[in-house]
C-alpha atoms as a PDB file:
ATOM      1  CA  MET A   1     -38.707  -4.548   9.601  1.00  0.00           C
ATOM      2  CA  ALA A   2     -39.448  -3.312  13.095  1.00  0.00           C
ATOM      3  CA  LYS A   3     -39.373   0.313  14.053  1.00  0.00           C
ATOM      4  CA  SER A   4     -36.105   1.579  15.427  1.00  0.00           C
ATOM      5  CA  GLU A   5     -35.068   4.635  17.364  1.00  0.00           C
ATOM      6  CA  ARG A   6     -32.596   7.046  15.755  1.00  0.00           C
ATOM      7  CA  VAL A   7     -30.733   9.815  17.548  1.00  0.00           C
ATOM      8  CA  MET A   8     -29.196  12.593  15.459  1.00  0.00           C
ATOM      9  CA  PHE A   9     -27.194  15.739  15.977  1.00  0.00           C
ATOM     10  CA  LEU A  10     -28.382  18.512  13.646  1.00  0.00           C
ATOM     11  CA  PRO A  11     -25.781  21.311  13.431  1.00  0.00           C
ATOM     12  CA  TYR A  12     -26.550  24.895  12.423  1.00  0.00           C
ATOM     13  CA  THR A  13     -24.264  27.419  10.737  1.00  0.00           C
ATOM     14  CA  LEU A  14     -24.643  31.022   9.619  1.00  0.00           C
ATOM     15  CA  GLY A  15     -25.924  31.382   6.084  1.00  0.00           C
ATOM     16  CA  LYS A  16     -26.412  34.402   3.877  1.00  0.00           C
ATOM     17  CA  ARG A  17     -27.333  37.609   5.688  1.00  0.00           C
ATOM     18  CA  GLY A  18     -26.739  35.952   9.059  1.00  0.00           C
ATOM     19  CA  ALA A  19     -29.591  33.465   8.789  1.00  0.00           C
ATOM     20  CA  VAL A  20     -29.307  30.268  10.841  1.00  0.00           C
ATOM     21  CA  THR A  21     -28.958  27.411   8.334  1.00  0.00           C
ATOM     22  CA  PRO A  22     -29.247  23.663   9.084  1.00  0.00           C
ATOM     23  CA  GLY A  23     -26.279  21.474   8.258  1.00  0.00           C
ATOM     24  CA  VAL A  24     -26.008  17.757   7.544  1.00  0.00           C
ATOM     25  CA  PRO A  25     -27.509  15.596  10.322  1.00  0.00           C
ATOM     26  CA  VAL A  26     -25.112  13.185  12.035  1.00  0.00           C
ATOM     27  CA  VAL A  27     -26.533   9.840  13.201  1.00  0.00           C
ATOM     28  CA  CYS A  28     -25.439   8.994  16.751  1.00  0.00           C
ATOM     29  CA  ARG A  29     -25.513   5.755  18.737  1.00  0.00           C
ATOM     30  CA  ASN A  30     -27.369   7.378  21.646  1.00  0.00           C
ATOM     31  CA  ALA A  31     -28.309  10.713  23.208  1.00  0.00           C
ATOM     32  CA  ALA A  32     -25.025  10.947  25.146  1.00  0.00           C
ATOM     33  CA  GLU A  33     -23.046  10.741  21.906  1.00  0.00           C
ATOM     34  CA  GLY A  34     -25.300  13.421  20.398  1.00  0.00           C
ATOM     35  CA  GLU A  35     -24.537  15.692  23.359  1.00  0.00           C
ATOM     36  CA  ARG A  36     -20.783  15.113  22.964  1.00  0.00           C
ATOM     37  CA  ARG A  37     -20.927  15.876  19.233  1.00  0.00           C
ATOM     38  CA  ALA A  38     -22.855  19.092  19.894  1.00  0.00           C
ATOM     39  CA  GLU A  39     -20.363  20.277  22.512  1.00  0.00           C
ATOM     40  CA  LYS A  40     -17.415  19.381  20.277  1.00  0.00           C
ATOM     41  CA  ALA A  41     -18.870  21.168  17.213  1.00  0.00           C
ATOM     42  CA  LEU A  42     -19.526  24.345  19.191  1.00  0.00           C
ATOM     43  CA  ALA A  43     -16.099  24.290  20.829  1.00  0.00           C
ATOM     44  CA  ALA A  44     -14.396  23.805  17.441  1.00  0.00           C
ATOM     45  CA  GLY A  45     -16.426  26.601  15.844  1.00  0.00           C
ATOM     46  CA  SER A  46     -17.759  24.341  13.100  1.00  0.00           C
ATOM     47  CA  ALA A  47     -21.342  25.108  14.197  1.00  0.00           C
ATOM     48  CA  ILE A  48     -23.064  28.010  15.935  1.00  0.00           C
ATOM     49  CA  GLY A  49     -25.600  25.657  17.490  1.00  0.00           C
ATOM     50  CA  GLY A  50     -27.336  22.341  17.206  1.00  0.00           C
ATOM     51  CA  HIS A  51     -30.228  20.148  18.230  1.00  0.00           C
ATOM     52  CA  VAL A  52     -30.020  16.589  19.492  1.00  0.00           C
ATOM     53  CA  VAL A  53     -33.126  14.877  18.117  1.00  0.00           C
ATOM     54  CA  ARG A  54     -34.703  11.446  18.500  1.00  0.00           C
ATOM     55  CA  ILE A  55     -37.076   9.890  15.958  1.00  0.00           C
ATOM     56  CA  VAL A  56     -38.739   6.501  15.644  1.00  0.00           C
ATOM     57  CA  ALA A  57     -38.468   5.152  12.105  1.00  0.00           C
ATOM     58  CA  ASP A  58     -39.409   2.177   9.997  1.00  0.00           C
ATOM     59  CA  GLU A  59     -36.840   2.809   7.274  1.00  0.00           C
ATOM     60  CA  GLU A  60     -37.929  -0.143   5.149  1.00  0.00           C
ATOM     61  CA  ALA A  61     -41.473   1.257   4.908  1.00  0.00           C
ATOM     62  CA  GLY A  62     -40.241   4.860   4.693  1.00  0.00           C
ATOM     63  CA  ASP A  63     -42.238   5.775   7.797  1.00  0.00           C
ATOM     64  CA  TYR A  64     -40.675   8.376  10.096  1.00  0.00           C
ATOM     65  CA  GLY A  65     -42.231   9.655  13.314  1.00  0.00           C
ATOM     66  CA  GLU A  66     -42.265  13.204  14.605  1.00  0.00           C
ATOM     67  CA  PRO A  67     -38.921  14.387  15.999  1.00  0.00           C
ATOM     68  CA  VAL A  68     -38.468  14.701  19.745  1.00  0.00           C
ATOM     69  CA  TYR A  69     -36.012  17.488  20.560  1.00  0.00           C
ATOM     70  CA  LEU A  70     -33.812  16.214  23.391  1.00  0.00           C
ATOM     71  CA  SER A  71     -31.625  19.309  23.749  1.00  0.00           C
ATOM     72  CA  ALA A  72     -30.531  22.536  22.125  1.00  0.00           C
ATOM     73  CA  HIS A  73     -27.008  23.956  22.139  1.00  0.00           C
ATOM     74  CA  GLY A  74     -25.891  27.450  21.163  1.00  0.00           C
ATOM     75  CA  ARG A  75     -27.894  29.436  18.607  1.00  0.00           C
ATOM     76  CA  VAL A  76     -30.730  27.392  17.088  1.00  0.00           C
ATOM     77  CA  PRO A  77     -34.096  28.150  15.465  1.00  0.00           C
ATOM     78  CA  GLU A  78     -37.254  27.350  17.385  1.00  0.00           C
ATOM     79  CA  PRO A  79     -38.582  23.819  16.648  1.00  0.00           C
ATOM     80  CA  VAL A  80     -41.732  23.823  14.556  1.00  0.00           C
END
């Protein structure tokens, strides 16, 4: 299978002792949808922040590229 591009919204919530904790990533059709999901999650209060991330993946081979952080919203940890 050929490599494909995946865009995801990764929400963050407050965990124990106020630590920023990653939530469940949401796969999006494109970067614009990721931006809309981030804005909606912050406005609804379901997340304190989030990253919109793009990766190139060959899911059949289990090969995933390094994430490219497209944007950050609200309170997020620094990308590593």
